[in-house]
Amino acid sequence: MNIKNLVGKRAIRTKPVVLSYGEDESYRVNPIKILKVTDHHIVAEVLAWSIKKDLLILTSEWIDDNWVDYDELISGLEVE
């Protein structure tokens, strides 16, 4: 799913992003909340156990179709 369709939702990546120094596996396990997407940046909130919320700004290399809605992914699962 394209990241532009996930504004306001929690998301994780389905594939690594290819950067000039190699592949980056970030955001494939722990979700981030997508706050805003422009043509050049993604503004997201890092979801952590702490009360403090950290903003994250990703560059245009991350704007692609390799994202999934985290809540849809885990819906219906029962964790014991």
PDB file of N, CA and C in Angstrom:
ATOM      1  N   MET A   1       0.844  -1.164   0.000  1.00  0.00           N
ATOM      2  CA  MET A   1       0.000   0.000   0.000  1.00  0.00           C
ATOM      3  C   MET A   1       0.898   1.237   0.000  1.00  0.00           C
ATOM      4  N   ASN A   2       0.492   2.263  -0.715  1.00  0.00           N
ATOM      5  CA  ASN A   2       1.293   3.479  -0.756  1.00  0.00           C
ATOM      6  C   ASN A   2       1.166   4.225   0.562  1.00  0.00           C
ATOM      7  N   ILE A   3       2.271   4.755   1.022  1.00  0.00           N
ATOM      8  CA  ILE A   3       2.321   5.460   2.298  1.00  0.00           C
ATOM      9  C   ILE A   3       1.355   6.642   2.330  1.00  0.00           C
ATOM     10  N   LYS A   4       1.062   7.240   1.187  1.00  0.00           N
ATOM     11  CA  LYS A   4       0.144   8.383   1.140  1.00  0.00           C
ATOM     12  C   LYS A   4      -1.268   7.984   1.557  1.00  0.00           C
ATOM     13  N   ASN A   5      -1.607   6.708   1.479  1.00  0.00           N
ATOM     14  CA  ASN A   5      -2.922   6.215   1.874  1.00  0.00           C
ATOM     15  C   ASN A   5      -2.984   5.845   3.356  1.00  0.00           C
ATOM     16  N   LEU A   6      -1.904   6.024   4.076  1.00  0.00           N
ATOM     17  CA  LEU A   6      -1.847   5.604   5.474  1.00  0.00           C
ATOM     18  C   LEU A   6      -1.729   6.766   6.465  1.00  0.00           C
ATOM     19  N   VAL A   7      -1.993   7.974   6.014  1.00  0.00           N
ATOM     20  CA  VAL A   7      -1.931   9.134   6.916  1.00  0.00           C
ATOM     21  C   VAL A   7      -2.967   8.961   8.027  1.00  0.00           C
ATOM     22  N   GLY A   8      -2.522   9.147   9.260  1.00  0.00           N
ATOM     23  CA  GLY A   8      -3.388   8.976  10.425  1.00  0.00           C
ATOM     24  C   GLY A   8      -3.436   7.560  10.959  1.00  0.00           C
ATOM     25  N   LYS A   9      -2.715   6.650  10.315  1.00  0.00           N
ATOM     26  CA  LYS A   9      -2.734   5.240  10.713  1.00  0.00           C
ATOM     27  C   LYS A   9      -1.354   4.773  11.139  1.00  0.00           C
ATOM     28  N   ARG A  10      -1.331   3.620  11.809  1.00  0.00           N
ATOM     29  CA  ARG A  10      -0.061   2.975  12.132  1.00  0.00           C
ATOM     30  C   ARG A  10       0.334   2.117  10.944  1.00  0.00           C
ATOM     31  N   ALA A  11       1.622   2.117  10.619  1.00  0.00           N
ATOM     32  CA  ALA A  11       2.093   1.397   9.439  1.00  0.00           C
ATOM     33  C   ALA A  11       3.429   0.728   9.708  1.00  0.00           C
ATOM     34  N   ILE A  12       3.682  -0.360   8.978  1.00  0.00           N
ATOM     35  CA  ILE A  12       5.003  -0.986   8.949  1.00  0.00           C
ATOM     36  C   ILE A  12       5.347  -1.290   7.501  1.00  0.00           C
ATOM     37  N   ARG A  13       6.639  -1.426   7.223  1.00  0.00           N
ATOM     38  CA  ARG A  13       7.101  -1.718   5.874  1.00  0.00           C
ATOM     39  C   ARG A  13       7.014  -3.204   5.576  1.00  0.00           C
ATOM     40  N   THR A  14       6.816  -3.524   4.297  1.00  0.00           N
ATOM     41  CA  THR A  14       6.800  -4.912   3.853  1.00  0.00           C
ATOM     42  C   THR A  14       8.119  -5.322   3.213  1.00  0.00           C
ATOM     43  N   LYS A  15       8.921  -4.350   2.795  1.00  0.00           N
ATOM     44  CA  LYS A  15      10.231  -4.599   2.183  1.00  0.00           C
ATOM     45  C   LYS A  15      11.204  -3.537   2.662  1.00  0.00           C
ATOM     46  N   PRO A  16      12.493  -3.837   2.630  1.00  0.00           N
ATOM     47  CA  PRO A  16      13.467  -2.797   2.993  1.00  0.00           C
ATOM     48  C   PRO A  16      13.490  -1.695   1.943  1.00  0.00           C
ATOM     49  N   VAL A  17      13.937  -0.533   2.344  1.00  0.00           N
ATOM     50  CA  VAL A  17      14.124   0.566   1.398  1.00  0.00           C
ATOM     51  C   VAL A  17      15.588   0.539   0.960  1.00  0.00           C
ATOM     52  N   VAL A  18      15.827   0.816  -0.320  1.00  0.00           N
ATOM     53  CA  VAL A  18      17.189   0.822  -0.848  1.00  0.00           C
ATOM     54  C   VAL A  18      17.704   2.255  -0.818  1.00  0.00           C
ATOM     55  N   LEU A  19      18.755   2.463  -0.044  1.00  0.00           N
ATOM     56  CA  LEU A  19      19.385   3.772   0.084  1.00  0.00           C
ATOM     57  C   LEU A  19      20.765   3.720  -0.564  1.00  0.00           C
ATOM     58  N   SER A  20      21.418   4.833  -0.669  1.00  0.00           N
ATOM     59  CA  SER A  20      22.722   4.889  -1.332  1.00  0.00           C
ATOM     60  C   SER A  20      23.759   3.992  -0.658  1.00  0.00           C
ATOM     61  N   TYR A  21      23.626   3.753   0.630  1.00  0.00           N
ATOM     62  CA  TYR A  21      24.597   2.920   1.354  1.00  0.00           C
ATOM     63  C   TYR A  21      24.132   1.478   1.532  1.00  0.00           C
ATOM     64  N   GLY A  22      22.980   1.115   0.977  1.00  0.00           N
ATOM     65  CA  GLY A  22      22.478  -0.253   1.076  1.00  0.00           C
ATOM     66  C   GLY A  22      21.022  -0.286   1.495  1.00  0.00           C
ATOM     67  N   GLU A  23      20.557  -1.480   1.866  1.00  0.00           N
ATOM     68  CA  GLU A  23      19.165  -1.641   2.268  1.00  0.00           C
ATOM     69  C   GLU A  23      18.983  -1.298   3.745  1.00  0.00           C
ATOM     70  N   ASP A  24      17.845  -0.675   4.045  1.00  0.00           N
ATOM     71  CA  ASP A  24      17.507  -0.320   5.423  1.00  0.00           C
ATOM     72  C   ASP A  24      16.246  -1.085   5.809  1.00  0.00           C
ATOM     73  N   GLU A  25      16.353  -1.922   6.824  1.00  0.00           N
ATOM     74  CA  GLU A  25      15.248  -2.760   7.291  1.00  0.00           C
ATOM     75  C   GLU A  25      14.360  -2.068   8.321  1.00  0.00           C
ATOM     76  N   SER A  26      14.610  -0.800   8.620  1.00  0.00           N
ATOM     77  CA  SER A  26      13.848  -0.088   9.645  1.00  0.00           C
ATOM     78  C   SER A  26      12.353  -0.105   9.353  1.00  0.00           C
ATOM     79  N   TYR A  27      11.573  -0.063  10.410  1.00  0.00           N
ATOM     80  CA  TYR A  27      10.114   0.040  10.362  1.00  0.00           C
ATOM     81  C   TYR A  27       9.449  -1.190   9.760  1.00  0.00           C
ATOM     82  N   ARG A  28      10.117  -2.345   9.828  1.00  0.00           N
ATOM     83  CA  ARG A  28       9.531  -3.592   9.340  1.00  0.00           C
ATOM     84  C   ARG A  28       8.962  -4.418  10.476  1.00  0.00           C
ATOM     85  N   VAL A  29       9.244  -4.037  11.715  1.00  0.00           N
ATOM     86  CA  VAL A  29       8.752  -4.791  12.865  1.00  0.00           C
ATOM     87  C   VAL A  29       7.904  -3.901  13.771  1.00  0.00           C
ATOM     88  N   ASN A  30       8.428  -2.741  14.128  1.00  0.00           N
ATOM     89  CA  ASN A  30       7.710  -1.826  15.009  1.00  0.00           C
ATOM     90  C   ASN A  30       7.003  -0.763  14.183  1.00  0.00           C
ATOM     91  N   PRO A  31       5.703  -0.574  14.409  1.00  0.00           N
ATOM     92  CA  PRO A  31       4.961   0.389  13.604  1.00  0.00           C
ATOM     93  C   PRO A  31       5.301   1.833  13.952  1.00  0.00           C
ATOM     94  N   ILE A  32       5.036   2.706  12.992  1.00  0.00           N
ATOM     95  CA  ILE A  32       5.103   4.147  13.200  1.00  0.00           C
ATOM     96  C   ILE A  32       3.748   4.710  12.807  1.00  0.00           C
ATOM     97  N   LYS A  33       3.365   5.827  13.404  1.00  0.00           N
ATOM     98  CA  LYS A  33       2.106   6.475  13.037  1.00  0.00           C
ATOM     99  C   LYS A  33       2.408   7.551  12.007  1.00  0.00           C
ATOM    100  N   ILE A  34       1.754   7.470  10.860  1.00  0.00           N
ATOM    101  CA  ILE A  34       1.987   8.405   9.769  1.00  0.00           C
ATOM    102  C   ILE A  34       1.146   9.658  10.003  1.00  0.00           C
ATOM    103  N   LEU A  35       1.817  10.795  10.147  1.00  0.00           N
ATOM    104  CA  LEU A  35       1.131  12.056  10.422  1.00  0.00           C
ATOM    105  C   LEU A  35       0.893  12.884   9.167  1.00  0.00           C
ATOM    106  N   LYS A  36       1.877  12.900   8.264  1.00  0.00           N
ATOM    107  CA  LYS A  36       1.754  13.707   7.038  1.00  0.00           C
ATOM    108  C   LYS A  36       2.719  13.171   5.998  1.00  0.00           C
ATOM    109  N   VAL A  37       2.309  13.226   4.732  1.00  0.00           N
ATOM    110  CA  VAL A  37       3.168  12.811   3.625  1.00  0.00           C
ATOM    111  C   VAL A  37       3.114  13.905   2.562  1.00  0.00           C
ATOM    112  N   THR A  38       4.295  14.367   2.145  1.00  0.00           N
ATOM    113  CA  THR A  38       4.391  15.320   1.040  1.00  0.00           C
ATOM    114  C   THR A  38       5.107  14.590  -0.105  1.00  0.00           C
ATOM    115  N   ASP A  39       5.442  15.309  -1.155  1.00  0.00           N
ATOM    116  CA  ASP A  39       6.178  14.693  -2.258  1.00  0.00           C
ATOM    117  C   ASP A  39       7.607  14.337  -1.868  1.00  0.00           C
ATOM    118  N   HIS A  40       8.113  14.937  -0.788  1.00  0.00           N
ATOM    119  CA  HIS A  40       9.520  14.766  -0.433  1.00  0.00           C
ATOM    120  C   HIS A  40       9.772  14.233   0.973  1.00  0.00           C
ATOM    121  N   HIS A  41       8.752  14.222   1.827  1.00  0.00           N
ATOM    122  CA  HIS A  41       8.967  13.800   3.211  1.00  0.00           C
ATOM    123  C   HIS A  41       7.774  13.047   3.785  1.00  0.00           C
ATOM    124  N   ILE A  42       8.079  12.223   4.756  1.00  0.00           N
ATOM    125  CA  ILE A  42       7.069  11.580   5.590  1.00  0.00           C
ATOM    126  C   ILE A  42       7.319  12.085   7.005  1.00  0.00           C
ATOM    127  N   VAL A  43       6.273  12.587   7.652  1.00  0.00           N
ATOM    128  CA  VAL A  43       6.369  12.961   9.056  1.00  0.00           C
ATOM    129  C   VAL A  43       5.595  11.900   9.824  1.00  0.00           C
ATOM    130  N   ALA A  44       6.292  11.277  10.768  1.00  0.00           N
ATOM    131  CA  ALA A  44       5.684  10.178  11.513  1.00  0.00           C
ATOM    132  C   ALA A  44       5.992  10.320  12.988  1.00  0.00           C
ATOM    133  N   GLU A  45       5.256   9.574  13.767  1.00  0.00           N
ATOM    134  CA  GLU A  45       5.472   9.542  15.207  1.00  0.00           C
ATOM    135  C   GLU A  45       6.009   8.162  15.556  1.00  0.00           C
ATOM    136  N   VAL A  46       7.094   8.147  16.286  1.00  0.00           N
ATOM    137  CA  VAL A  46       7.663   6.875  16.736  1.00  0.00           C
ATOM    138  C   VAL A  46       6.805   6.361  17.871  1.00  0.00           C
ATOM    139  N   LEU A  47       6.341   5.135  17.752  1.00  0.00           N
ATOM    140  CA  LEU A  47       5.506   4.539  18.781  1.00  0.00           C
ATOM    141  C   LEU A  47       6.392   3.734  19.711  1.00  0.00           C
ATOM    142  N   ALA A  48       6.480   4.179  20.937  1.00  0.00           N
ATOM    143  CA  ALA A  48       7.354   3.530  21.911  1.00  0.00           C
ATOM    144  C   ALA A  48       6.593   3.349  23.214  1.00  0.00           C
ATOM    145  N   TRP A  49       7.194   2.635  24.103  1.00  0.00           N
ATOM    146  CA  TRP A  49       6.581   2.389  25.409  1.00  0.00           C
ATOM    147  C   TRP A  49       6.610   3.619  26.288  1.00  0.00           C
ATOM    148  N   SER A  50       7.495   4.546  25.997  1.00  0.00           N
ATOM    149  CA  SER A  50       7.609   5.746  26.833  1.00  0.00           C
ATOM    150  C   SER A  50       6.440   6.688  26.557  1.00  0.00           C
ATOM    151  N   ILE A  51       6.195   7.569  27.479  1.00  0.00           N
ATOM    152  CA  ILE A  51       5.127   8.553  27.320  1.00  0.00           C
ATOM    153  C   ILE A  51       5.536   9.617  26.313  1.00  0.00           C
ATOM    154  N   LYS A  52       6.817   9.926  26.260  1.00  0.00           N
ATOM    155  CA  LYS A  52       7.323  10.933  25.325  1.00  0.00           C
ATOM    156  C   LYS A  52       7.158  10.427  23.890  1.00  0.00           C
ATOM    157  N   LYS A  53       6.617  11.268  23.049  1.00  0.00           N
ATOM    158  CA  LYS A  53       6.434  10.919  21.643  1.00  0.00           C
ATOM    159  C   LYS A  53       7.482  11.631  20.818  1.00  0.00           C
ATOM    160  N   ASP A  54       8.164  10.899  19.961  1.00  0.00           N
ATOM    161  CA  ASP A  54       9.214  11.463  19.122  1.00  0.00           C
ATOM    162  C   ASP A  54       8.744  11.545  17.680  1.00  0.00           C
ATOM    163  N   LEU A  55       9.014  12.685  17.040  1.00  0.00           N
ATOM    164  CA  LEU A  55       8.707  12.838  15.622  1.00  0.00           C
ATOM    165  C   LEU A  55       9.859  12.300  14.792  1.00  0.00           C
ATOM    166  N   LEU A  56       9.518  11.761  13.667  1.00  0.00           N
ATOM    167  CA  LEU A  56      10.470  11.170  12.740  1.00  0.00           C
ATOM    168  C   LEU A  56      10.186  11.773  11.375  1.00  0.00           C
ATOM    169  N   ILE A  57      11.223  12.179  10.678  1.00  0.00           N
ATOM    170  CA  ILE A  57      11.050  12.684   9.312  1.00  0.00           C
ATOM    171  C   ILE A  57      11.873  11.806   8.379  1.00  0.00           C
ATOM    172  N   LEU A  58      11.179  11.169   7.451  1.00  0.00           N
ATOM    173  CA  LEU A  58      11.822  10.293   6.466  1.00  0.00           C
ATOM    174  C   LEU A  58      11.845  11.003   5.116  1.00  0.00           C
ATOM    175  N   THR A  59      12.873  10.747   4.332  1.00  0.00           N
ATOM    176  CA  THR A  59      13.034  11.378   3.019  1.00  0.00           C
ATOM    177  C   THR A  59      12.259  10.621   1.945  1.00  0.00           C
ATOM    178  N   SER A  60      12.288  11.135   0.753  1.00  0.00           N
ATOM    179  CA  SER A  60      11.466  10.621  -0.350  1.00  0.00           C
ATOM    180  C   SER A  60      11.747   9.166  -0.711  1.00  0.00           C
ATOM    181  N   GLU A  61      12.900   8.630  -0.356  1.00  0.00           N
ATOM    182  CA  GLU A  61      13.188   7.217  -0.649  1.00  0.00           C
ATOM    183  C   GLU A  61      12.172   6.281   0.021  1.00  0.00           C
ATOM    184  N   TRP A  62      11.548   6.742   1.076  1.00  0.00           N
ATOM    185  CA  TRP A  62      10.593   5.930   1.840  1.00  0.00           C
ATOM    186  C   TRP A  62       9.170   6.036   1.298  1.00  0.00           C
ATOM    187  N   ILE A  63       8.941   6.948   0.359  1.00  0.00           N
ATOM    188  CA  ILE A  63       7.595   7.144  -0.189  1.00  0.00           C
ATOM    189  C   ILE A  63       7.408   6.148  -1.327  1.00  0.00           C
ATOM    190  N   ASP A  64       6.775   5.029  -1.001  1.00  0.00           N
ATOM    191  CA  ASP A  64       6.566   3.973  -1.987  1.00  0.00           C
ATOM    192  C   ASP A  64       5.375   3.111  -1.578  1.00  0.00           C
ATOM    193  N   ASP A  65       5.203   1.998  -2.263  1.00  0.00           N
ATOM    194  CA  ASP A  65       4.071   1.097  -2.022  1.00  0.00           C
ATOM    195  C   ASP A  65       4.405  -0.039  -1.066  1.00  0.00           C
ATOM    196  N   ASN A  66       5.532   0.017  -0.400  1.00  0.00           N
ATOM    197  CA  ASN A  66       5.970  -1.086   0.462  1.00  0.00           C
ATOM    198  C   ASN A  66       5.599  -0.874   1.931  1.00  0.00           C
ATOM    199  N   TRP A  67       4.353  -0.486   2.166  1.00  0.00           N
ATOM    200  CA  TRP A  67       3.840  -0.265   3.507  1.00  0.00           C
ATOM    201  C   TRP A  67       2.530  -1.030   3.671  1.00  0.00           C
ATOM    202  N   VAL A  68       2.196  -1.353   4.911  1.00  0.00           N
ATOM    203  CA  VAL A  68       0.935  -2.015   5.208  1.00  0.00           C
ATOM    204  C   VAL A  68       0.336  -1.353   6.451  1.00  0.00           C
ATOM    205  N   ASP A  69      -0.993  -1.325   6.502  1.00  0.00           N
ATOM    206  CA  ASP A  69      -1.715  -0.817   7.667  1.00  0.00           C
ATOM    207  C   ASP A  69      -1.527  -1.821   8.799  1.00  0.00           C
ATOM    208  N   TYR A  70      -0.841  -1.422   9.837  1.00  0.00           N
ATOM    209  CA  TYR A  70      -0.496  -2.316  10.949  1.00  0.00           C
ATOM    210  C   TYR A  70      -1.742  -2.852  11.642  1.00  0.00           C
ATOM    211  N   ASP A  71      -2.748  -2.006  11.862  1.00  0.00           N
ATOM    212  CA  ASP A  71      -3.954  -2.448  12.560  1.00  0.00           C
ATOM    213  C   ASP A  71      -4.747  -3.464  11.745  1.00  0.00           C
ATOM    214  N   GLU A  72      -4.772  -3.308  10.423  1.00  0.00           N
ATOM    215  CA  GLU A  72      -5.418  -4.312   9.569  1.00  0.00           C
ATOM    216  C   GLU A  72      -4.642  -5.620   9.617  1.00  0.00           C
ATOM    217  N   LEU A  73      -3.332  -5.523   9.631  1.00  0.00           N
ATOM    218  CA  LEU A  73      -2.483  -6.716   9.666  1.00  0.00           C
ATOM    219  C   LEU A  73      -2.752  -7.563  10.909  1.00  0.00           C
ATOM    220  N   ILE A  74      -2.886  -6.913  12.056  1.00  0.00           N
ATOM    221  CA  ILE A  74      -3.035  -7.679  13.297  1.00  0.00           C
ATOM    222  C   ILE A  74      -4.496  -7.868  13.721  1.00  0.00           C
ATOM    223  N   SER A  75      -5.454  -7.334  12.968  1.00  0.00           N
ATOM    224  CA  SER A  75      -6.858  -7.456  13.370  1.00  0.00           C
ATOM    225  C   SER A  75      -7.285  -8.927  13.413  1.00  0.00           C
ATOM    226  N   GLY A  76      -8.042  -9.232  14.423  1.00  0.00           N
ATOM    227  CA  GLY A  76      -8.555 -10.592  14.581  1.00  0.00           C
ATOM    228  C   GLY A  76      -7.619 -11.543  15.267  1.00  0.00           C
ATOM    229  N   LEU A  77      -6.400 -11.126  15.567  1.00  0.00           N
ATOM    230  CA  LEU A  77      -5.442 -11.990  16.248  1.00  0.00           C
ATOM    231  C   LEU A  77      -5.660 -11.953  17.756  1.00  0.00           C
ATOM    232  N   GLU A  78      -5.523 -13.084  18.380  1.00  0.00           N
ATOM    233  CA  GLU A  78      -5.596 -13.150  19.842  1.00  0.00           C
ATOM    234  C   GLU A  78      -4.191 -13.448  20.363  1.00  0.00           C
ATOM    235  N   VAL A  79      -3.701 -12.576  21.212  1.00  0.00           N
ATOM    236  CA  VAL A  79      -2.378 -12.752  21.793  1.00  0.00           C
ATOM    237  C   VAL A  79      -2.537 -13.304  23.195  1.00  0.00           C
ATOM    238  N   GLU A  80      -1.855 -14.405  23.450  1.00  0.00           N
ATOM    239  CA  GLU A  80      -1.938 -15.027  24.777  1.00  0.00           C
ATOM    240  C   GLU A  80      -0.785 -14.631  25.638  1.00  0.00           C
TER     241      GLU A  80
END
